[in-house]
PDB file of N, CA and C in Angstrom:
ATOM      1  N   UNK A   1      -1.416 -23.476  13.978  1.00  0.00           N
ATOM      2  CA  UNK A   1      -2.513 -22.806  14.668  1.00  0.00           C
ATOM      3  C   UNK A   1      -2.948 -21.588  13.853  1.00  0.00           C
ATOM      4  N   UNK A   2      -4.227 -21.415  13.687  1.00  0.00           N
ATOM      5  CA  UNK A   2      -4.776 -20.300  12.921  1.00  0.00           C
ATOM      6  C   UNK A   2      -4.615 -18.988  13.682  1.00  0.00           C
ATOM      7  N   UNK A   3      -4.409 -17.905  12.940  1.00  0.00           N
ATOM      8  CA  UNK A   3      -4.337 -16.579  13.545  1.00  0.00           C
ATOM      9  C   UNK A   3      -5.724 -16.133  13.959  1.00  0.00           C
ATOM     10  N   UNK A   4      -5.773 -15.297  14.966  1.00  0.00           N
ATOM     11  CA  UNK A   4      -7.061 -14.777  15.425  1.00  0.00           C
ATOM     12  C   UNK A   4      -7.591 -13.763  14.434  1.00  0.00           C
ATOM     13  N   UNK A   5      -8.915 -13.722  14.302  1.00  0.00           N
ATOM     14  CA  UNK A   5      -9.563 -12.733  13.453  1.00  0.00           C
ATOM     15  C   UNK A   5     -10.272 -11.716  14.334  1.00  0.00           C
ATOM     16  N   UNK A   6     -10.708 -10.637  13.736  1.00  0.00           N
ATOM     17  CA  UNK A   6     -11.436  -9.613  14.474  1.00  0.00           C
ATOM     18  C   UNK A   6     -12.781 -10.167  14.928  1.00  0.00           C
ATOM     19  N   UNK A   7     -13.423  -9.521  15.918  1.00  0.00           N
ATOM     20  CA  UNK A   7     -14.723 -10.003  16.416  1.00  0.00           C
ATOM     21  C   UNK A   7     -15.777 -10.026  15.306  1.00  0.00           C
ATOM     22  N   UNK A   8     -16.737 -10.914  15.433  1.00  0.00           N
ATOM     23  CA  UNK A   8     -17.851 -11.037  14.490  1.00  0.00           C
ATOM     24  C   UNK A   8     -18.721  -9.786  14.585  1.00  0.00           C
ATOM     25  N   UNK A   9     -19.121  -9.260  13.412  1.00  0.00           N
ATOM     26  CA  UNK A   9     -20.025  -8.113  13.342  1.00  0.00           C
ATOM     27  C   UNK A   9     -21.199  -8.493  12.452  1.00  0.00           C
ATOM     28  N   UNK A  10     -22.279  -7.761  12.588  1.00  0.00           N
ATOM     29  CA  UNK A  10     -23.432  -8.062  11.738  1.00  0.00           C
ATOM     30  C   UNK A  10     -23.249  -7.433  10.358  1.00  0.00           C
ATOM     31  N   UNK A  11     -23.852  -8.040   9.354  1.00  0.00           N
ATOM     32  CA  UNK A  11     -23.815  -7.530   7.983  1.00  0.00           C
ATOM     33  C   UNK A  11     -24.410  -6.126   7.929  1.00  0.00           C
ATOM     34  N   UNK A  12     -25.559  -5.935   8.567  1.00  0.00           N
ATOM     35  CA  UNK A  12     -26.258  -4.647   8.515  1.00  0.00           C
ATOM     36  C   UNK A  12     -25.474  -3.521   9.171  1.00  0.00           C
ATOM     37  N   UNK A  13     -24.674  -3.835  10.182  1.00  0.00           N
ATOM     38  CA  UNK A  13     -23.903  -2.810  10.885  1.00  0.00           C
ATOM     39  C   UNK A  13     -22.503  -2.620  10.308  1.00  0.00           C
ATOM     40  N   UNK A  14     -22.183  -3.321   9.230  1.00  0.00           N
ATOM     41  CA  UNK A  14     -20.825  -3.204   8.689  1.00  0.00           C
ATOM     42  C   UNK A  14     -20.840  -3.142   7.165  1.00  0.00           C
ATOM     43  N   UNK A  15     -20.764  -4.258   6.514  1.00  0.00           N
ATOM     44  CA  UNK A  15     -20.606  -4.341   5.066  1.00  0.00           C
ATOM     45  C   UNK A  15     -21.745  -3.654   4.305  1.00  0.00           C
ATOM     46  N   UNK A  16     -22.969  -3.772   4.814  1.00  0.00           N
ATOM     47  CA  UNK A  16     -24.122  -3.181   4.132  1.00  0.00           C
ATOM     48  C   UNK A  16     -24.042  -1.661   4.079  1.00  0.00           C
ATOM     49  N   UNK A  17     -23.269  -1.047   4.958  1.00  0.00           N
ATOM     50  CA  UNK A  17     -23.150   0.411   4.989  1.00  0.00           C
ATOM     51  C   UNK A  17     -22.128   0.937   3.982  1.00  0.00           C
ATOM     52  N   UNK A  18     -21.278   0.059   3.459  1.00  0.00           N
ATOM     53  CA  UNK A  18     -20.249   0.491   2.515  1.00  0.00           C
ATOM     54  C   UNK A  18     -20.795   0.524   1.094  1.00  0.00           C
ATOM     55  N   UNK A  19     -20.380   1.528   0.344  1.00  0.00           N
ATOM     56  CA  UNK A  19     -20.738   1.618  -1.073  1.00  0.00           C
ATOM     57  C   UNK A  19     -19.457   1.356  -1.870  1.00  0.00           C
ATOM     58  N   UNK A  20     -19.228   0.089  -2.188  1.00  0.00           N
ATOM     59  CA  UNK A  20     -18.024  -0.332  -2.913  1.00  0.00           C
ATOM     60  C   UNK A  20     -18.427  -0.612  -4.353  1.00  0.00           C
ATOM     61  N   UNK A  21     -17.764   0.061  -5.293  1.00  0.00           N
ATOM     62  CA  UNK A  21     -18.145  -0.041  -6.698  1.00  0.00           C
ATOM     63  C   UNK A  21     -16.925  -0.226  -7.593  1.00  0.00           C
ATOM     64  N   UNK A  22     -17.193  -0.737  -8.805  1.00  0.00           N
ATOM     65  CA  UNK A  22     -16.154  -0.921  -9.814  1.00  0.00           C
ATOM     66  C   UNK A  22     -15.883   0.420 -10.488  1.00  0.00           C
ATOM     67  N   UNK A  23     -14.614   0.738 -10.623  1.00  0.00           N
ATOM     68  CA  UNK A  23     -14.205   1.936 -11.341  1.00  0.00           C
ATOM     69  C   UNK A  23     -13.079   1.609 -12.306  1.00  0.00           C
ATOM     70  N   UNK A  24     -12.858   2.506 -13.262  1.00  0.00           N
ATOM     71  CA  UNK A  24     -11.763   2.350 -14.215  1.00  0.00           C
ATOM     72  C   UNK A  24     -10.807   3.529 -14.035  1.00  0.00           C
ATOM     73  N   UNK A  25      -9.525   3.228 -13.869  1.00  0.00           N
ATOM     74  CA  UNK A  25      -8.516   4.277 -13.740  1.00  0.00           C
ATOM     75  C   UNK A  25      -8.309   4.889 -15.126  1.00  0.00           C
ATOM     76  N   UNK A  26      -8.641   6.178 -15.257  1.00  0.00           N
ATOM     77  CA  UNK A  26      -8.560   6.841 -16.564  1.00  0.00           C
ATOM     78  C   UNK A  26      -7.338   7.756 -16.673  1.00  0.00           C
ATOM     79  N   UNK A  27      -6.768   8.136 -15.542  1.00  0.00           N
ATOM     80  CA  UNK A  27      -5.539   8.927 -15.522  1.00  0.00           C
ATOM     81  C   UNK A  27      -4.691   8.453 -14.353  1.00  0.00           C
ATOM     82  N   UNK A  28      -3.372   8.421 -14.548  1.00  0.00           N
ATOM     83  CA  UNK A  28      -2.467   8.047 -13.468  1.00  0.00           C
ATOM     84  C   UNK A  28      -1.139   8.765 -13.659  1.00  0.00           C
ATOM     85  N   UNK A  29      -0.595   9.241 -12.553  1.00  0.00           N
ATOM     86  CA  UNK A  29       0.727   9.874 -12.585  1.00  0.00           C
ATOM     87  C   UNK A  29       1.373   9.741 -11.214  1.00  0.00           C
ATOM     88  N   UNK A  30       2.700   9.788 -11.190  1.00  0.00           N
ATOM     89  CA  UNK A  30       3.430   9.714  -9.930  1.00  0.00           C
ATOM     90  C   UNK A  30       3.242  11.028  -9.181  1.00  0.00           C
ATOM     91  N   UNK A  31       2.841  10.941  -7.925  1.00  0.00           N
ATOM     92  CA  UNK A  31       2.655  12.120  -7.077  1.00  0.00           C
ATOM     93  C   UNK A  31       3.959  12.370  -6.322  1.00  0.00           C
ATOM     94  N   UNK A  32       4.513  13.553  -6.446  1.00  0.00           N
ATOM     95  CA  UNK A  32       5.819  13.859  -5.845  1.00  0.00           C
ATOM     96  C   UNK A  32       5.717  14.647  -4.545  1.00  0.00           C
ATOM     97  N   UNK A  33       4.513  15.076  -4.157  1.00  0.00           N
ATOM     98  CA  UNK A  33       4.369  15.884  -2.946  1.00  0.00           C
ATOM     99  C   UNK A  33       4.144  15.065  -1.675  1.00  0.00           C
ATOM    100  N   UNK A  34       3.953  13.757  -1.798  1.00  0.00           N
ATOM    101  CA  UNK A  34       3.724  12.910  -0.625  1.00  0.00           C
ATOM    102  C   UNK A  34       5.057  12.381  -0.096  1.00  0.00           C
ATOM    103  N   UNK A  35       5.038  11.913   1.156  1.00  0.00           N
ATOM    104  CA  UNK A  35       6.274  11.432   1.793  1.00  0.00           C
ATOM    105  C   UNK A  35       6.843  10.193   1.121  1.00  0.00           C
ATOM    106  N   UNK A  36       5.988   9.317   0.650  1.00  0.00           N
ATOM    107  CA  UNK A  36       6.407   8.088  -0.014  1.00  0.00           C
ATOM    108  C   UNK A  36       5.876   8.089  -1.434  1.00  0.00           C
ATOM    109  N   UNK A  37       6.497   7.278  -2.304  1.00  0.00           N
ATOM    110  CA  UNK A  37       6.022   7.195  -3.684  1.00  0.00           C
ATOM    111  C   UNK A  37       4.554   6.802  -3.702  1.00  0.00           C
ATOM    112  N   UNK A  38       3.782   7.581  -4.432  1.00  0.00           N
ATOM    113  CA  UNK A  38       2.335   7.403  -4.489  1.00  0.00           C
ATOM    114  C   UNK A  38       1.862   7.734  -5.901  1.00  0.00           C
ATOM    115  N   UNK A  39       0.818   7.051  -6.344  1.00  0.00           N
ATOM    116  CA  UNK A  39       0.181   7.413  -7.603  1.00  0.00           C
ATOM    117  C   UNK A  39      -1.041   8.280  -7.327  1.00  0.00           C
ATOM    118  N   UNK A  40      -1.199   9.295  -8.167  1.00  0.00           N
ATOM    119  CA  UNK A  40      -2.451  10.040  -8.227  1.00  0.00           C
ATOM    120  C   UNK A  40      -3.244   9.386  -9.352  1.00  0.00           C
ATOM    121  N   UNK A  41      -4.443   8.893  -9.018  1.00  0.00           N
ATOM    122  CA  UNK A  41      -5.263   8.191  -9.996  1.00  0.00           C
ATOM    123  C   UNK A  41      -6.634   8.855 -10.081  1.00  0.00           C
ATOM    124  N   UNK A  42      -7.080   9.126 -11.281  1.00  0.00           N
ATOM    125  CA  UNK A  42      -8.453   9.574 -11.495  1.00  0.00           C
ATOM    126  C   UNK A  42      -9.237   8.330 -11.887  1.00  0.00           C
ATOM    127  N   UNK A  43     -10.268   8.028 -11.091  1.00  0.00           N
ATOM    128  CA  UNK A  43     -11.041   6.798 -11.277  1.00  0.00           C
ATOM    129  C   UNK A  43     -12.460   7.165 -11.711  1.00  0.00           C
ATOM    130  N   UNK A  44     -12.896   6.576 -12.812  1.00  0.00           N
ATOM    131  CA  UNK A  44     -14.237   6.802 -13.351  1.00  0.00           C
ATOM    132  C   UNK A  44     -15.174   5.720 -12.822  1.00  0.00           C
ATOM    133  N   UNK A  45     -16.205   6.145 -12.091  1.00  0.00           N
ATOM    134  CA  UNK A  45     -17.202   5.225 -11.550  1.00  0.00           C
ATOM    135  C   UNK A  45     -18.527   5.322 -12.306  1.00  0.00           C
ATOM    136  N   UNK A  46     -18.466   5.718 -13.576  1.00  0.00           N
ATOM    137  CA  UNK A  46     -19.664   5.806 -14.403  1.00  0.00           C
ATOM    138  C   UNK A  46     -20.618   6.860 -13.891  1.00  0.00           C
ATOM    139  N   UNK A  47     -21.879   6.480 -13.655  1.00  0.00           N
ATOM    140  CA  UNK A  47     -22.893   7.446 -13.227  1.00  0.00           C
ATOM    141  C   UNK A  47     -22.616   8.035 -11.845  1.00  0.00           C
ATOM    142  N   UNK A  48     -21.624   7.490 -11.127  1.00  0.00           N
ATOM    143  CA  UNK A  48     -21.248   8.002  -9.807  1.00  0.00           C
ATOM    144  C   UNK A  48     -20.116   9.017  -9.899  1.00  0.00           C
ATOM    145  N   UNK A  49     -19.660   9.288 -11.109  1.00  0.00           N
ATOM    146  CA  UNK A  49     -18.666  10.335 -11.328  1.00  0.00           C
ATOM    147  C   UNK A  49     -17.228   9.864 -11.247  1.00  0.00           C
ATOM    148  N   UNK A  50     -16.337  10.810 -11.480  1.00  0.00           N
ATOM    149  CA  UNK A  50     -14.894  10.567 -11.390  1.00  0.00           C
ATOM    150  C   UNK A  50     -14.401  11.089 -10.048  1.00  0.00           C
ATOM    151  N   UNK A  51     -13.486  10.338  -9.468  1.00  0.00           N
ATOM    152  CA  UNK A  51     -12.912  10.723  -8.174  1.00  0.00           C
ATOM    153  C   UNK A  51     -11.406  10.527  -8.218  1.00  0.00           C
ATOM    154  N   UNK A  52     -10.697  11.351  -7.445  1.00  0.00           N
ATOM    155  CA  UNK A  52      -9.248  11.260  -7.365  1.00  0.00           C
ATOM    156  C   UNK A  52      -8.869  10.393  -6.164  1.00  0.00           C
ATOM    157  N   UNK A  53      -7.953   9.472  -6.396  1.00  0.00           N
ATOM    158  CA  UNK A  53      -7.446   8.626  -5.325  1.00  0.00           C
ATOM    159  C   UNK A  53      -5.921   8.664  -5.348  1.00  0.00           C
ATOM    160  N   UNK A  54      -5.320   8.658  -4.176  1.00  0.00           N
ATOM    161  CA  UNK A  54      -3.875   8.565  -4.048  1.00  0.00           C
ATOM    162  C   UNK A  54      -3.579   7.243  -3.365  1.00  0.00           C
ATOM    163  N   UNK A  55      -2.681   6.455  -3.934  1.00  0.00           N
ATOM    164  CA  UNK A  55      -2.389   5.155  -3.349  1.00  0.00           C
ATOM    165  C   UNK A  55      -0.993   4.683  -3.680  1.00  0.00           C
ATOM    166  N   UNK A  56      -0.488   3.800  -2.839  1.00  0.00           N
ATOM    167  CA  UNK A  56       0.872   3.263  -2.989  1.00  0.00           C
ATOM    168  C   UNK A  56       0.846   1.988  -3.825  1.00  0.00           C
ATOM    169  N   UNK A  57       0.469   2.139  -5.073  1.00  0.00           N
ATOM    170  CA  UNK A  57       0.423   1.029  -6.030  1.00  0.00           C
ATOM    171  C   UNK A  57       1.613   1.090  -6.988  1.00  0.00           C
ATOM    172  N   UNK A  58       2.695   1.708  -6.559  1.00  0.00           N
ATOM    173  CA  UNK A  58       3.811   2.044  -7.444  1.00  0.00           C
ATOM    174  C   UNK A  58       4.713   0.870  -7.817  1.00  0.00           C
ATOM    175  N   UNK A  59       4.463  -0.319  -7.314  1.00  0.00           N
ATOM    176  CA  UNK A  59       5.178  -1.503  -7.823  1.00  0.00           C
ATOM    177  C   UNK A  59       4.657  -1.860  -9.217  1.00  0.00           C
ATOM    178  N   UNK A  60       3.494  -1.338  -9.570  1.00  0.00           N
ATOM    179  CA  UNK A  60       2.922  -1.526 -10.899  1.00  0.00           C
ATOM    180  C   UNK A  60       3.379  -0.370 -11.791  1.00  0.00           C
ATOM    181  N   UNK A  61       3.874  -0.639 -12.995  1.00  0.00           N
ATOM    182  CA  UNK A  61       4.216   0.448 -13.915  1.00  0.00           C
ATOM    183  C   UNK A  61       2.962   1.247 -14.298  1.00  0.00           C
ATOM    184  N   UNK A  62       3.148   2.539 -14.539  1.00  0.00           N
ATOM    185  CA  UNK A  62       2.029   3.427 -14.889  1.00  0.00           C
ATOM    186  C   UNK A  62       1.194   2.849 -16.019  1.00  0.00           C
ATOM    187  N   UNK A  63       1.842   2.304 -17.042  1.00  0.00           N
ATOM    188  CA  UNK A  63       1.099   1.783 -18.195  1.00  0.00           C
ATOM    189  C   UNK A  63       0.228   0.578 -17.837  1.00  0.00           C
ATOM    190  N   UNK A  64       0.533  -0.122 -16.737  1.00  0.00           N
ATOM    191  CA  UNK A  64      -0.303  -1.237 -16.290  1.00  0.00           C
ATOM    192  C   UNK A  64      -1.448  -0.773 -15.385  1.00  0.00           C
ATOM    193  N   UNK A  65      -1.347   0.446 -14.876  1.00  0.00           N
ATOM    194  CA  UNK A  65      -2.366   0.978 -13.981  1.00  0.00           C
ATOM    195  C   UNK A  65      -3.485   1.656 -14.778  1.00  0.00           C
ATOM    196  N   UNK A  66      -3.110   2.413 -15.793  1.00  0.00           N
ATOM    197  CA  UNK A  66      -4.112   3.116 -16.608  1.00  0.00           C
ATOM    198  C   UNK A  66      -5.051   2.100 -17.254  1.00  0.00           C
ATOM    199  N   UNK A  67      -6.322   2.363 -17.213  1.00  0.00           N
ATOM    200  CA  UNK A  67      -7.407   1.545 -17.766  1.00  0.00           C
ATOM    201  C   UNK A  67      -7.728   0.301 -16.937  1.00  0.00           C
ATOM    202  N   UNK A  68      -7.091   0.119 -15.810  1.00  0.00           N
ATOM    203  CA  UNK A  68      -7.363  -1.032 -14.932  1.00  0.00           C
ATOM    204  C   UNK A  68      -8.697  -0.849 -14.228  1.00  0.00           C
ATOM    205  N   UNK A  69      -9.446  -1.930 -14.089  1.00  0.00           N
ATOM    206  CA  UNK A  69     -10.651  -1.930 -13.262  1.00  0.00           C
ATOM    207  C   UNK A  69     -10.243  -2.144 -11.806  1.00  0.00           C
ATOM    208  N   UNK A  70     -10.843  -1.360 -10.916  1.00  0.00           N
ATOM    209  CA  UNK A  70     -10.527  -1.447  -9.487  1.00  0.00           C
ATOM    210  C   UNK A  70     -11.825  -1.395  -8.694  1.00  0.00           C
ATOM    211  N   UNK A  71     -11.731  -1.684  -7.414  1.00  0.00           N
ATOM    212  CA  UNK A  71     -12.854  -1.533  -6.491  1.00  0.00           C
ATOM    213  C   UNK A  71     -12.550  -0.353  -5.580  1.00  0.00           C
ATOM    214  N   UNK A  72     -13.534   0.542  -5.428  1.00  0.00           N
ATOM    215  CA  UNK A  72     -13.346   1.710  -4.585  1.00  0.00           C
ATOM    216  C   UNK A  72     -14.499   1.905  -3.630  1.00  0.00           C
ATOM    217  N   UNK A  73     -14.183   2.391  -2.430  1.00  0.00           N
ATOM    218  CA  UNK A  73     -15.202   2.709  -1.430  1.00  0.00           C
ATOM    219  C   UNK A  73     -15.595   4.166  -1.642  1.00  0.00           C
ATOM    220  N   UNK A  74     -16.841   4.385  -2.071  1.00  0.00           N
ATOM    221  CA  UNK A  74     -17.292   5.724  -2.431  1.00  0.00           C
ATOM    222  C   UNK A  74     -17.795   6.548  -1.254  1.00  0.00           C
ATOM    223  N   UNK A  75     -18.192   5.919  -0.169  1.00  0.00           N
ATOM    224  CA  UNK A  75     -18.830   6.676   0.905  1.00  0.00           C
ATOM    225  C   UNK A  75     -17.976   6.831   2.163  1.00  0.00           C
ATOM    226  N   UNK A  76     -16.660   6.900   2.002  1.00  0.00           N
ATOM    227  CA  UNK A  76     -15.776   7.328   3.090  1.00  0.00           C
ATOM    228  C   UNK A  76     -15.532   8.823   2.934  1.00  0.00           C
ATOM    229  N   UNK A  77     -15.294   9.515   4.041  1.00  0.00           N
ATOM    230  CA  UNK A  77     -14.893  10.917   3.964  1.00  0.00           C
ATOM    231  C   UNK A  77     -13.575  11.028   3.215  1.00  0.00           C
ATOM    232  N   UNK A  78     -13.337  12.142   2.520  1.00  0.00           N
ATOM    233  CA  UNK A  78     -12.027  12.361   1.898  1.00  0.00           C
ATOM    234  C   UNK A  78     -10.930  12.267   2.954  1.00  0.00           C
ATOM    235  N   UNK A  79      -9.756  11.746   2.538  1.00  0.00           N
ATOM    236  CA  UNK A  79      -8.671  11.507   3.496  1.00  0.00           C
ATOM    237  C   UNK A  79      -7.431  12.310   3.099  1.00  0.00           C
ATOM    238  N   UNK A  80      -7.026  13.240   3.967  1.00  0.00           N
ATOM    239  CA  UNK A  80      -5.797  13.984   3.691  1.00  0.00           C
ATOM    240  C   UNK A  80      -4.580  13.057   3.753  1.00  0.00           C
ATOM    241  N   UNK A  81      -3.681  13.245   2.796  1.00  0.00           N
ATOM    242  CA  UNK A  81      -2.419  12.496   2.751  1.00  0.00           C
ATOM    243  C   UNK A  81      -1.309  13.528   2.543  1.00  0.00           C
ATOM    244  N   UNK A  82      -0.930  14.184   3.626  1.00  0.00           N
ATOM    245  CA  UNK A  82       0.016  15.284   3.503  1.00  0.00           C
ATOM    246  C   UNK A  82      -0.645  16.429   2.760  1.00  0.00           C
ATOM    247  N   UNK A  83      -0.034  16.907   1.681  1.00  0.00           N
ATOM    248  CA  UNK A  83      -0.579  18.065   0.964  1.00  0.00           C
ATOM    249  C   UNK A  83      -1.704  17.725  -0.026  1.00  0.00           C
ATOM    250  N   UNK A  84      -2.065  16.454  -0.158  1.00  0.00           N
ATOM    251  CA  UNK A  84      -3.107  16.046  -1.105  1.00  0.00           C
ATOM    252  C   UNK A  84      -4.250  15.393  -0.339  1.00  0.00           C
ATOM    253  N   UNK A  85      -5.401  15.261  -0.992  1.00  0.00           N
ATOM    254  CA  UNK A  85      -6.565  14.617  -0.374  1.00  0.00           C
ATOM    255  C   UNK A  85      -7.121  13.565  -1.317  1.00  0.00           C
ATOM    256  N   UNK A  86      -7.279  12.352  -0.792  1.00  0.00           N
ATOM    257  CA  UNK A  86      -7.833  11.240  -1.554  1.00  0.00           C
ATOM    258  C   UNK A  86      -9.342  11.227  -1.363  1.00  0.00           C
ATOM    259  N   UNK A  87     -10.080  11.230  -2.488  1.00  0.00           N
ATOM    260  CA  UNK A  87     -11.545  11.288  -2.445  1.00  0.00           C
ATOM    261  C   UNK A  87     -12.199   9.919  -2.380  1.00  0.00           C
ATOM    262  N   UNK A  88     -11.469   8.876  -2.716  1.00  0.00           N
ATOM    263  CA  UNK A  88     -12.020   7.523  -2.733  1.00  0.00           C
ATOM    264  C   UNK A  88     -10.913   6.552  -2.329  1.00  0.00           C
ATOM    265  N   UNK A  89     -11.280   5.516  -1.570  1.00  0.00           N
ATOM    266  CA  UNK A  89     -10.321   4.482  -1.199  1.00  0.00           C
ATOM    267  C   UNK A  89     -10.362   3.378  -2.237  1.00  0.00           C
ATOM    268  N   UNK A  90      -9.264   3.226  -2.987  1.00  0.00           N
ATOM    269  CA  UNK A  90      -9.123   2.118  -3.929  1.00  0.00           C
ATOM    270  C   UNK A  90      -8.602   0.934  -3.122  1.00  0.00           C
ATOM    271  N   UNK A  91      -9.300  -0.196  -3.196  1.00  0.00           N
ATOM    272  CA  UNK A  91      -8.948  -1.352  -2.377  1.00  0.00           C
ATOM    273  C   UNK A  91      -7.721  -2.073  -2.909  1.00  0.00           C
ATOM    274  N   UNK A  92      -6.882  -2.503  -1.989  1.00  0.00           N
ATOM    275  CA  UNK A  92      -5.677  -3.234  -2.349  1.00  0.00           C
ATOM    276  C   UNK A  92      -5.245  -4.138  -1.212  1.00  0.00           C
ATOM    277  N   UNK A  93      -4.244  -4.953  -1.503  1.00  0.00           N
ATOM    278  CA  UNK A  93      -3.608  -5.813  -0.506  1.00  0.00           C
ATOM    279  C   UNK A  93      -2.101  -5.637  -0.639  1.00  0.00           C
ATOM    280  N   UNK A  94      -1.366  -6.081   0.364  1.00  0.00           N
ATOM    281  CA  UNK A  94       0.090  -5.940   0.370  1.00  0.00           C
ATOM    282  C   UNK A  94       0.698  -6.564  -0.882  1.00  0.00           C
ATOM    283  N   UNK A  95       1.553  -5.797  -1.561  1.00  0.00           N
ATOM    284  CA  UNK A  95       2.271  -6.312  -2.734  1.00  0.00           C
ATOM    285  C   UNK A  95       3.318  -7.310  -2.240  1.00  0.00           C
ATOM    286  N   UNK A  96       3.415  -8.506  -2.855  1.00  0.00           N
ATOM    287  CA  UNK A  96       4.351  -9.529  -2.369  1.00  0.00           C
ATOM    288  C   UNK A  96       5.792  -9.033  -2.300  1.00  0.00           C
ATOM    289  N   UNK A  97       6.395  -9.218  -1.158  1.00  0.00           N
ATOM    290  CA  UNK A  97       7.811  -8.907  -0.904  1.00  0.00           C
ATOM    291  C   UNK A  97       8.156  -7.430  -1.071  1.00  0.00           C
ATOM    292  N   UNK A  98       7.157  -6.557  -1.022  1.00  0.00           N
ATOM    293  CA  UNK A  98       7.400  -5.118  -1.102  1.00  0.00           C
ATOM    294  C   UNK A  98       7.427  -4.535   0.305  1.00  0.00           C
ATOM    295  N   UNK A  99       7.894  -3.299   0.414  1.00  0.00           N
ATOM    296  CA  UNK A  99       7.924  -2.660   1.729  1.00  0.00           C
ATOM    297  C   UNK A  99       6.505  -2.469   2.251  1.00  0.00           C
ATOM    298  N   UNK A 100       6.371  -2.334   3.541  1.00  0.00           N
ATOM    299  CA  UNK A 100       5.067  -2.191   4.171  1.00  0.00           C
ATOM    300  C   UNK A 100       4.300  -1.015   3.576  1.00  0.00           C
ATOM    301  N   UNK A 101       3.036  -1.244   3.252  1.00  0.00           N
ATOM    302  CA  UNK A 101       2.188  -0.205   2.707  1.00  0.00           C
ATOM    303  C   UNK A 101       2.112  -0.197   1.194  1.00  0.00           C
ATOM    304  N   UNK A 102       3.035  -0.872   0.526  1.00  0.00           N
ATOM    305  CA  UNK A 102       3.005  -0.944  -0.943  1.00  0.00           C
ATOM    306  C   UNK A 102       1.962  -1.979  -1.336  1.00  0.00           C
ATOM    307  N   UNK A 103       1.060  -1.617  -2.253  1.00  0.00           N
ATOM    308  CA  UNK A 103      -0.124  -2.439  -2.504  1.00  0.00           C
ATOM    309  C   UNK A 103      -0.243  -2.904  -3.946  1.00  0.00           C
ATOM    310  N   UNK A 104      -1.051  -3.948  -4.110  1.00  0.00           N
ATOM    311  CA  UNK A 104      -1.533  -4.365  -5.417  1.00  0.00           C
ATOM    312  C   UNK A 104      -3.053  -4.291  -5.373  1.00  0.00           C
ATOM    313  N   UNK A 105      -3.679  -4.169  -6.510  1.00  0.00           N
ATOM    314  CA  UNK A 105      -5.106  -3.904  -6.607  1.00  0.00           C
ATOM    315  C   UNK A 105      -5.972  -5.131  -6.318  1.00  0.00           C
ATOM    316  N   UNK A 106      -7.157  -4.875  -5.766  1.00  0.00           N
ATOM    317  CA  UNK A 106      -8.240  -5.849  -5.712  1.00  0.00           C
ATOM    318  C   UNK A 106      -9.132  -5.487  -6.897  1.00  0.00           C
ATOM    319  N   UNK A 107      -9.229  -6.388  -7.868  1.00  0.00           N
ATOM    320  CA  UNK A 107      -9.917  -6.087  -9.124  1.00  0.00           C
ATOM    321  C   UNK A 107     -10.843  -7.222  -9.527  1.00  0.00           C
ATOM    322  N   UNK A 108     -11.887  -6.910 -10.318  1.00  0.00           N
ATOM    323  CA  UNK A 108     -12.737  -7.976 -10.856  1.00  0.00           C
ATOM    324  C   UNK A 108     -11.919  -8.889 -11.778  1.00  0.00           C
ATOM    325  N   UNK A 109     -12.274 -10.156 -11.827  1.00  0.00           N
ATOM    326  CA  UNK A 109     -11.565 -11.130 -12.667  1.00  0.00           C
ATOM    327  C   UNK A 109     -11.946 -11.007 -14.136  1.00  0.00           C
ATOM    328  N   UNK A 110     -13.065 -10.341 -14.412  1.00  0.00           N
ATOM    329  CA  UNK A 110     -13.530 -10.148 -15.788  1.00  0.00           C
ATOM    330  C   UNK A 110     -13.862  -8.672 -15.988  1.00  0.00           C
ATOM    331  N   UNK A 111     -14.187  -8.292 -17.200  1.00  0.00           N
ATOM    332  CA  UNK A 111     -14.469  -6.902 -17.545  1.00  0.00           C
ATOM    333  C   UNK A 111     -15.850  -6.491 -17.038  1.00  0.00           C
ATOM    334  N   UNK A 112     -15.946  -6.243 -15.732  1.00  0.00           N
ATOM    335  CA  UNK A 112     -17.225  -5.883 -15.103  1.00  0.00           C
ATOM    336  C   UNK A 112     -17.639  -4.461 -15.496  1.00  0.00           C
ATOM    337  N   UNK A 113     -18.910  -4.176 -15.386  1.00  0.00           N
ATOM    338  CA  UNK A 113     -19.458  -2.865 -15.734  1.00  0.00           C
ATOM    339  C   UNK A 113     -19.014  -1.822 -14.709  1.00  0.00           C
ATOM    340  N   UNK A 114     -18.506  -0.690 -15.214  1.00  0.00           N
ATOM    341  CA  UNK A 114     -18.114   0.418 -14.350  1.00  0.00           C
ATOM    342  C   UNK A 114     -19.338   0.898 -13.581  1.00  0.00           C
ATOM    343  N   UNK A 115     -19.190   1.080 -12.276  1.00  0.00           N
ATOM    344  CA  UNK A 115     -20.291   1.490 -11.406  1.00  0.00           C
ATOM    345  C   UNK A 115     -20.980   0.350 -10.705  1.00  0.00           C
ATOM    346  N   UNK A 116     -20.671  -0.902 -11.109  1.00  0.00           N
ATOM    347  CA  UNK A 116     -21.299  -2.069 -10.471  1.00  0.00           C
ATOM    348  C   UNK A 116     -20.972  -2.108  -8.983  1.00  0.00           C
ATOM    349  N   UNK A 117     -21.935  -2.537  -8.187  1.00  0.00           N
ATOM    350  CA  UNK A 117     -21.778  -2.618  -6.735  1.00  0.00           C
ATOM    351  C   UNK A 117     -21.205  -3.958  -6.312  1.00  0.00           C
ATOM    352  N   UNK A 118     -20.265  -3.917  -5.383  1.00  0.00           N
ATOM    353  CA  UNK A 118     -19.737  -5.139  -4.772  1.00  0.00           C
ATOM    354  C   UNK A 118     -20.779  -5.691  -3.814  1.00  0.00           C
ATOM    355  N   UNK A 119     -21.032  -7.012  -3.875  1.00  0.00           N
ATOM    356  CA  UNK A 119     -21.982  -7.626  -2.930  1.00  0.00           C
ATOM    357  C   UNK A 119     -21.463  -8.980  -2.506  1.00  0.00           C
TER     358      UNK A 119
END
């Protein structure tokens, strides 16, 4: 039996309002001030600027995170995460067999242009 999904919403009242774009992680380091292991990532969105994101992508080694293309939601309010604030939500899904909240990236399959819009 299939699991239930959330109620149907219109495109105009949901997805069309999000500004999701391709960015490249240009800096990454382990953040030690948060409750759980977290990376501080500086993401370059081209003409949309660079933004800082904090995320639990720590199952990936730092060297695999730097220069990675990611998808980020640019038009969410900044989100406090304890003593730090994340300026952009980098999209991810649960990392296989990792503890709850540990993520892997949602990324383009090819070398997409930085700043490109998700549609």
